[in-house]
């Protein structure tokens, strides 16, 4: 059970970290930041499919990573400063 919890936390940290580092620290545009997040998602999905295989468990893990990916993309698109 602790492995599953760790995997979920790692996925959220990687995707939100990629969004934060690309947009805030790196100063990239929204489009490039979204490309960084999607690249991170594709990398994590590839690792999950390599680990579990192309079966129900692998596809469920890839599908389960969509929520943090969409949340990270929303974090990129949300305007952070309004002066």
N, C-alpha and C. Protein backbone atom coordinates (compact mmCIF):
# COMPACT_ATOMS: atom_id res chain seq x y z
N UNK A 1 0.82 -1.20 0.00
CA UNK A 1 0.00 0.00 0.00
C UNK A 1 0.86 1.26 0.00
N UNK A 2 1.97 1.21 0.71
CA UNK A 2 2.83 2.39 0.76
C UNK A 2 3.46 2.68 -0.60
N UNK A 3 3.69 1.63 -1.42
CA UNK A 3 4.22 1.83 -2.76
C UNK A 3 3.22 2.60 -3.63
N UNK A 4 1.95 2.26 -3.52
CA UNK A 4 0.93 2.94 -4.31
C UNK A 4 0.81 4.41 -3.89
N UNK A 5 0.85 4.66 -2.61
CA UNK A 5 0.78 6.04 -2.11
C UNK A 5 1.98 6.84 -2.59
N UNK A 6 3.13 6.23 -2.52
CA UNK A 6 4.34 6.90 -2.99
C UNK A 6 4.27 7.20 -4.48
N UNK A 7 3.76 6.26 -5.26
CA UNK A 7 3.64 6.47 -6.70
C UNK A 7 2.70 7.62 -7.02
N UNK A 8 1.58 7.70 -6.31
CA UNK A 8 0.62 8.79 -6.55
C UNK A 8 1.24 10.14 -6.19
N UNK A 9 1.94 10.19 -5.07
CA UNK A 9 2.59 11.44 -4.65
C UNK A 9 3.67 11.84 -5.65
N UNK A 10 4.42 10.89 -6.15
CA UNK A 10 5.48 11.19 -7.12
C UNK A 10 4.88 11.76 -8.41
N UNK A 11 3.78 11.19 -8.88
CA UNK A 11 3.13 11.68 -10.10
C UNK A 11 2.68 13.13 -9.92
N UNK A 12 2.01 13.43 -8.80
CA UNK A 12 1.55 14.80 -8.55
C UNK A 12 2.73 15.76 -8.45
N UNK A 13 3.78 15.35 -7.74
CA UNK A 13 4.94 16.23 -7.56
C UNK A 13 5.64 16.48 -8.88
N UNK A 14 5.80 15.45 -9.69
CA UNK A 14 6.49 15.63 -10.98
C UNK A 14 5.69 16.55 -11.89
N UNK A 15 4.40 16.33 -12.00
CA UNK A 15 3.60 17.15 -12.93
C UNK A 15 3.46 18.59 -12.45
N UNK A 16 3.17 18.78 -11.16
CA UNK A 16 3.07 20.16 -10.65
C UNK A 16 4.44 20.82 -10.61
N UNK A 17 5.47 20.06 -10.32
CA UNK A 17 6.82 20.61 -10.33
C UNK A 17 7.23 21.05 -11.73
N UNK A 18 6.88 20.25 -12.72
CA UNK A 18 7.19 20.63 -14.10
C UNK A 18 6.45 21.90 -14.49
N UNK A 19 5.18 22.00 -14.10
CA UNK A 19 4.40 23.20 -14.42
C UNK A 19 4.98 24.42 -13.72
N UNK A 20 5.31 24.28 -12.45
CA UNK A 20 5.84 25.41 -11.69
C UNK A 20 7.21 25.85 -12.23
N UNK A 21 8.08 24.88 -12.44
CA UNK A 21 9.42 25.22 -12.91
C UNK A 21 9.41 25.81 -14.31
N UNK A 22 8.55 25.29 -15.18
CA UNK A 22 8.52 25.81 -16.54
C UNK A 22 7.92 27.21 -16.60
N UNK A 23 6.83 27.41 -15.89
CA UNK A 23 6.12 28.69 -16.01
C UNK A 23 6.71 29.78 -15.13
N UNK A 24 6.95 29.47 -13.86
CA UNK A 24 7.37 30.49 -12.91
C UNK A 24 8.88 30.68 -12.92
N UNK A 25 9.61 29.62 -12.72
CA UNK A 25 11.07 29.73 -12.62
C UNK A 25 11.70 29.91 -13.99
N UNK A 26 11.24 29.11 -14.96
CA UNK A 26 11.82 29.18 -16.30
C UNK A 26 11.31 30.34 -17.12
N UNK A 27 10.14 30.86 -16.78
CA UNK A 27 9.59 31.99 -17.52
C UNK A 27 9.12 31.63 -18.92
N UNK A 28 8.78 30.38 -19.15
CA UNK A 28 8.33 29.96 -20.47
C UNK A 28 6.90 30.43 -20.72
N UNK A 29 6.52 30.45 -21.98
CA UNK A 29 5.15 30.82 -22.33
C UNK A 29 4.19 29.71 -21.90
N UNK A 30 2.91 30.02 -21.98
CA UNK A 30 1.90 29.02 -21.62
C UNK A 30 2.00 27.79 -22.51
N UNK A 31 2.20 28.00 -23.79
CA UNK A 31 2.27 26.89 -24.74
C UNK A 31 3.48 26.00 -24.46
N UNK A 32 4.62 26.60 -24.23
CA UNK A 32 5.82 25.80 -23.95
C UNK A 32 5.75 25.12 -22.59
N UNK A 33 5.15 25.78 -21.63
CA UNK A 33 4.97 25.17 -20.32
C UNK A 33 4.04 23.98 -20.41
N UNK A 34 2.98 24.12 -21.20
CA UNK A 34 2.06 22.99 -21.40
C UNK A 34 2.77 21.84 -22.11
N UNK A 35 3.68 22.16 -23.02
CA UNK A 35 4.44 21.11 -23.69
C UNK A 35 5.35 20.38 -22.71
N UNK A 36 5.92 21.11 -21.76
CA UNK A 36 6.77 20.48 -20.74
C UNK A 36 5.94 19.55 -19.87
N UNK A 37 4.75 20.00 -19.47
CA UNK A 37 3.88 19.16 -18.64
C UNK A 37 3.42 17.93 -19.42
N UNK A 38 3.03 18.12 -20.66
CA UNK A 38 2.59 16.97 -21.46
C UNK A 38 3.75 16.00 -21.71
N UNK A 39 4.95 16.53 -21.89
CA UNK A 39 6.11 15.65 -22.03
C UNK A 39 6.37 14.86 -20.77
N UNK A 40 6.18 15.49 -19.63
CA UNK A 40 6.33 14.79 -18.35
C UNK A 40 5.26 13.72 -18.20
N UNK A 41 4.04 14.04 -18.60
CA UNK A 41 2.96 13.06 -18.54
C UNK A 41 3.24 11.87 -19.45
N UNK A 42 3.71 12.15 -20.66
CA UNK A 42 4.02 11.06 -21.59
C UNK A 42 5.16 10.20 -21.07
N UNK A 43 6.15 10.83 -20.44
CA UNK A 43 7.24 10.06 -19.85
C UNK A 43 6.77 9.18 -18.71
N UNK A 44 5.93 9.73 -17.84
CA UNK A 44 5.39 8.94 -16.73
C UNK A 44 4.48 7.82 -17.24
N UNK A 45 3.71 8.11 -18.28
CA UNK A 45 2.84 7.08 -18.86
C UNK A 45 3.65 5.96 -19.49
N UNK A 46 4.72 6.31 -20.15
CA UNK A 46 5.59 5.29 -20.73
C UNK A 46 6.21 4.42 -19.65
N UNK A 47 6.65 5.05 -18.56
CA UNK A 47 7.19 4.26 -17.45
C UNK A 47 6.15 3.33 -16.84
N UNK A 48 4.93 3.82 -16.69
CA UNK A 48 3.86 3.00 -16.13
C UNK A 48 3.54 1.82 -17.03
N UNK A 49 3.47 2.07 -18.33
CA UNK A 49 3.18 0.97 -19.25
C UNK A 49 4.34 -0.01 -19.34
N UNK A 50 5.55 0.48 -19.22
CA UNK A 50 6.70 -0.42 -19.21
C UNK A 50 6.72 -1.27 -17.94
N UNK A 51 6.29 -0.68 -16.84
CA UNK A 51 6.30 -1.40 -15.56
C UNK A 51 5.17 -2.42 -15.48
N UNK A 52 3.94 -1.99 -15.81
CA UNK A 52 2.77 -2.86 -15.67
C UNK A 52 2.44 -3.65 -16.93
N UNK A 53 2.87 -3.15 -18.08
CA UNK A 53 2.52 -3.79 -19.34
C UNK A 53 1.27 -3.18 -19.93
N UNK A 54 1.00 -3.57 -21.15
CA UNK A 54 -0.18 -3.04 -21.85
C UNK A 54 -1.38 -3.92 -21.50
N UNK A 55 -1.85 -3.75 -20.29
CA UNK A 55 -3.02 -4.49 -19.81
C UNK A 55 -3.91 -3.54 -19.03
N UNK A 56 -4.87 -4.09 -18.32
CA UNK A 56 -5.83 -3.26 -17.61
C UNK A 56 -5.16 -2.39 -16.54
N UNK A 57 -4.23 -2.96 -15.80
CA UNK A 57 -3.55 -2.21 -14.75
C UNK A 57 -2.73 -1.06 -15.33
N UNK A 58 -2.02 -1.32 -16.40
CA UNK A 58 -1.24 -0.27 -17.04
C UNK A 58 -2.09 0.85 -17.59
N UNK A 59 -3.19 0.49 -18.23
CA UNK A 59 -4.08 1.51 -18.78
C UNK A 59 -4.79 2.30 -17.69
N UNK A 60 -5.13 1.63 -16.58
CA UNK A 60 -5.73 2.36 -15.46
C UNK A 60 -4.74 3.33 -14.83
N UNK A 61 -3.48 2.95 -14.76
CA UNK A 61 -2.48 3.86 -14.20
C UNK A 61 -2.27 5.06 -15.11
N UNK A 62 -2.27 4.84 -16.42
CA UNK A 62 -2.14 5.95 -17.36
C UNK A 62 -3.36 6.87 -17.27
N UNK A 63 -4.53 6.29 -17.18
CA UNK A 63 -5.75 7.08 -17.05
C UNK A 63 -5.82 7.82 -15.73
N UNK A 64 -5.28 7.23 -14.68
CA UNK A 64 -5.29 7.87 -13.37
C UNK A 64 -4.38 9.08 -13.30
N UNK A 65 -3.41 9.14 -14.20
CA UNK A 65 -2.51 10.30 -14.22
C UNK A 65 -3.10 11.47 -14.98
N UNK A 66 -4.26 11.29 -15.59
CA UNK A 66 -4.87 12.39 -16.34
C UNK A 66 -5.34 13.52 -15.42
N UNK A 67 -5.87 13.19 -14.25
CA UNK A 67 -6.34 14.23 -13.33
C UNK A 67 -5.22 15.16 -12.90
N UNK A 68 -4.08 14.66 -12.40
CA UNK A 68 -3.01 15.61 -12.06
C UNK A 68 -2.45 16.34 -13.27
N UNK A 69 -2.51 15.71 -14.44
CA UNK A 69 -2.03 16.39 -15.65
C UNK A 69 -2.94 17.57 -16.00
N UNK A 70 -4.24 17.34 -15.95
CA UNK A 70 -5.19 18.43 -16.25
C UNK A 70 -5.08 19.51 -15.18
N UNK A 71 -4.90 19.13 -13.93
CA UNK A 71 -4.75 20.12 -12.86
C UNK A 71 -3.48 20.96 -13.07
N UNK A 72 -2.40 20.32 -13.49
CA UNK A 72 -1.15 21.06 -13.74
C UNK A 72 -1.32 21.99 -14.94
N UNK A 73 -2.03 21.54 -15.97
CA UNK A 73 -2.29 22.41 -17.12
C UNK A 73 -3.17 23.58 -16.72
N UNK A 74 -4.12 23.35 -15.83
CA UNK A 74 -4.95 24.43 -15.33
C UNK A 74 -4.15 25.43 -14.52
N UNK A 75 -3.16 24.93 -13.79
CA UNK A 75 -2.30 25.82 -13.02
C UNK A 75 -1.48 26.72 -13.95
N UNK A 76 -1.12 26.20 -15.10
CA UNK A 76 -0.36 27.00 -16.08
C UNK A 76 -1.25 28.08 -16.68
N UNK A 77 -2.47 27.73 -17.03
CA UNK A 77 -3.35 28.65 -17.74
C UNK A 77 -3.99 29.69 -16.83
N UNK A 78 -4.05 29.43 -15.55
CA UNK A 78 -4.67 30.37 -14.63
C UNK A 78 -3.78 31.60 -14.47
N UNK A 79 -4.33 32.79 -14.66
CA UNK A 79 -3.52 34.00 -14.50
C UNK A 79 -3.10 34.19 -13.04
N UNK A 80 -1.82 34.33 -12.82
CA UNK A 80 -1.32 34.39 -11.45
C UNK A 80 -1.25 35.80 -10.90
N UNK A 81 -1.17 36.79 -11.73
CA UNK A 81 -1.09 38.15 -11.20
C UNK A 81 -2.01 39.07 -12.00
N UNK A 82 -2.75 39.86 -11.26
CA UNK A 82 -3.62 40.85 -11.89
C UNK A 82 -3.37 42.18 -11.18
N UNK A 83 -2.62 43.03 -11.85
CA UNK A 83 -2.30 44.33 -11.26
C UNK A 83 -2.98 45.44 -12.00
